[in-house]
Amino acid sequence: MERLREHLDDAALVELTAMVAVENLRSRTNAALGLTSQGFRDTCEIPSRER
């Protein structure tokens, strides 16, 4: 929280908290309804390049 407060004022912190809550609600609703991804994959199949 302290690190967030370095970058966000009160209004931005409230907005971020609200968006996290909305996404959490949406995720739980989708899971409860049995909705799955719409053709997207859980992992990327493109191999990472060695550095």
N, C-alpha and C. Protein backbone atom coordinates (compact mmCIF):
# COMPACT_ATOMS: atom_id res chain seq x y z
N MET A 1 0.82 -1.19 0.00
CA MET A 1 0.00 0.00 0.00
C MET A 1 0.86 1.25 0.00
N GLU A 2 1.94 1.20 0.74
CA GLU A 2 2.82 2.38 0.81
C GLU A 2 3.41 2.71 -0.56
N ARG A 3 3.77 1.65 -1.32
CA ARG A 3 4.33 1.89 -2.65
C ARG A 3 3.28 2.47 -3.59
N LEU A 4 2.03 2.03 -3.46
CA LEU A 4 0.97 2.60 -4.28
C LEU A 4 0.75 4.07 -3.94
N ARG A 5 0.78 4.37 -2.66
CA ARG A 5 0.53 5.75 -2.22
C ARG A 5 1.58 6.72 -2.75
N GLU A 6 2.77 6.21 -3.09
CA GLU A 6 3.80 7.07 -3.68
C GLU A 6 3.39 7.57 -5.05
N HIS A 7 2.51 6.81 -5.73
CA HIS A 7 2.16 7.13 -7.12
C HIS A 7 0.70 7.56 -7.31
N LEU A 8 -0.16 7.22 -6.36
CA LEU A 8 -1.58 7.48 -6.51
C LEU A 8 -2.12 8.39 -5.42
N ASP A 9 -2.99 9.32 -5.81
CA ASP A 9 -3.67 10.12 -4.80
C ASP A 9 -4.91 9.35 -4.34
N ASP A 10 -5.68 9.96 -3.45
CA ASP A 10 -6.86 9.26 -2.90
C ASP A 10 -7.85 8.83 -3.98
N ALA A 11 -8.13 9.73 -4.91
CA ALA A 11 -9.11 9.42 -5.96
C ALA A 11 -8.64 8.27 -6.84
N ALA A 12 -7.38 8.27 -7.21
CA ALA A 12 -6.84 7.20 -8.05
C ALA A 12 -6.83 5.87 -7.31
N LEU A 13 -6.53 5.90 -6.03
CA LEU A 13 -6.53 4.68 -5.24
C LEU A 13 -7.94 4.09 -5.11
N VAL A 14 -8.93 4.95 -4.95
CA VAL A 14 -10.32 4.49 -4.89
C VAL A 14 -10.72 3.89 -6.24
N GLU A 15 -10.33 4.53 -7.33
CA GLU A 15 -10.67 4.02 -8.66
C GLU A 15 -10.01 2.67 -8.91
N LEU A 16 -8.75 2.53 -8.54
CA LEU A 16 -8.06 1.26 -8.69
C LEU A 16 -8.74 0.16 -7.87
N THR A 17 -9.09 0.48 -6.65
CA THR A 17 -9.77 -0.49 -5.78
C THR A 17 -11.10 -0.91 -6.38
N ALA A 18 -11.84 0.04 -6.93
CA ALA A 18 -13.13 -0.27 -7.55
C ALA A 18 -12.95 -1.18 -8.77
N MET A 19 -11.93 -0.92 -9.57
CA MET A 19 -11.70 -1.75 -10.76
C MET A 19 -11.28 -3.17 -10.38
N VAL A 20 -10.48 -3.30 -9.34
CA VAL A 20 -10.10 -4.63 -8.87
C VAL A 20 -11.34 -5.38 -8.40
N ALA A 21 -12.22 -4.69 -7.69
CA ALA A 21 -13.45 -5.33 -7.20
C ALA A 21 -14.35 -5.75 -8.36
N VAL A 22 -14.47 -4.92 -9.39
CA VAL A 22 -15.29 -5.25 -10.56
C VAL A 22 -14.74 -6.48 -11.27
N GLU A 23 -13.43 -6.52 -11.48
CA GLU A 23 -12.83 -7.67 -12.17
C GLU A 23 -12.97 -8.94 -11.34
N ASN A 24 -12.85 -8.83 -10.04
CA ASN A 24 -13.04 -9.98 -9.15
C ASN A 24 -14.48 -10.49 -9.24
N LEU A 25 -15.43 -9.58 -9.21
CA LEU A 25 -16.84 -9.96 -9.33
C LEU A 25 -17.11 -10.63 -10.67
N ARG A 26 -16.57 -10.05 -11.73
CA ARG A 26 -16.78 -10.61 -13.06
C ARG A 26 -16.18 -12.01 -13.18
N SER A 27 -15.01 -12.19 -12.62
CA SER A 27 -14.35 -13.49 -12.66
C SER A 27 -15.16 -14.54 -11.91
N ARG A 28 -15.65 -14.17 -10.73
CA ARG A 28 -16.44 -15.11 -9.93
C ARG A 28 -17.78 -15.43 -10.61
N THR A 29 -18.38 -14.43 -11.22
CA THR A 29 -19.64 -14.65 -11.93
C THR A 29 -19.43 -15.58 -13.11
N ASN A 30 -18.38 -15.34 -13.89
CA ASN A 30 -18.09 -16.22 -15.03
C ASN A 30 -17.85 -17.65 -14.57
N ALA A 31 -17.11 -17.82 -13.50
CA ALA A 31 -16.84 -19.17 -12.99
C ALA A 31 -18.13 -19.83 -12.52
N ALA A 32 -18.99 -19.09 -11.85
CA ALA A 32 -20.25 -19.65 -11.36
C ALA A 32 -21.17 -20.05 -12.50
N LEU A 33 -21.11 -19.31 -13.59
CA LEU A 33 -21.96 -19.62 -14.75
C LEU A 33 -21.33 -20.65 -15.68
N GLY A 34 -20.10 -21.06 -15.36
CA GLY A 34 -19.42 -22.05 -16.19
C GLY A 34 -18.86 -21.49 -17.48
N LEU A 35 -18.70 -20.18 -17.54
CA LEU A 35 -18.16 -19.56 -18.76
C LEU A 35 -16.65 -19.76 -18.80
N THR A 36 -16.17 -20.09 -19.97
CA THR A 36 -14.72 -20.29 -20.13
C THR A 36 -14.19 -19.27 -21.12
N SER A 37 -12.90 -19.34 -21.38
CA SER A 37 -12.29 -18.39 -22.29
C SER A 37 -12.90 -18.51 -23.68
N GLN A 38 -12.87 -17.44 -24.39
CA GLN A 38 -13.48 -17.39 -25.71
C GLN A 38 -12.44 -17.63 -26.80
N GLY A 39 -11.75 -18.75 -26.71
CA GLY A 39 -10.74 -19.08 -27.71
C GLY A 39 -9.34 -18.64 -27.33
N PHE A 40 -9.19 -18.01 -26.19
CA PHE A 40 -7.87 -17.60 -25.74
C PHE A 40 -7.25 -18.74 -24.94
N ARG A 41 -5.97 -18.76 -24.87
CA ARG A 41 -5.26 -19.81 -24.15
C ARG A 41 -4.77 -19.28 -22.80
N ASP A 42 -4.60 -20.20 -21.86
CA ASP A 42 -4.09 -19.82 -20.54
C ASP A 42 -2.60 -19.48 -20.59
N THR A 43 -1.89 -20.07 -21.53
CA THR A 43 -0.44 -19.84 -21.65
C THR A 43 -0.10 -19.49 -23.09
N CYS A 44 1.01 -18.84 -23.25
CA CYS A 44 1.49 -18.44 -24.57
C CYS A 44 2.27 -19.62 -25.16
N GLU A 45 1.94 -20.00 -26.40
CA GLU A 45 2.62 -21.12 -27.03
C GLU A 45 3.86 -20.70 -27.80
N ILE A 46 4.12 -19.40 -27.90
CA ILE A 46 5.30 -18.93 -28.59
C ILE A 46 6.50 -19.10 -27.68
N PRO A 47 7.50 -19.85 -28.12
CA PRO A 47 8.66 -20.05 -27.24
C PRO A 47 9.41 -18.75 -27.00
N SER A 48 9.88 -18.57 -25.78
CA SER A 48 10.63 -17.35 -25.47
C SER A 48 12.02 -17.45 -26.08
N ARG A 49 12.54 -16.31 -26.47
CA ARG A 49 13.87 -16.26 -27.06
C ARG A 49 14.92 -16.25 -25.95
N GLU A 50 15.93 -17.06 -26.09
CA GLU A 50 17.03 -17.08 -25.11
C GLU A 50 17.80 -15.78 -25.23
N ARG A 51 18.14 -15.21 -24.09
CA ARG A 51 18.89 -13.94 -24.10
C ARG A 51 20.31 -14.18 -23.75
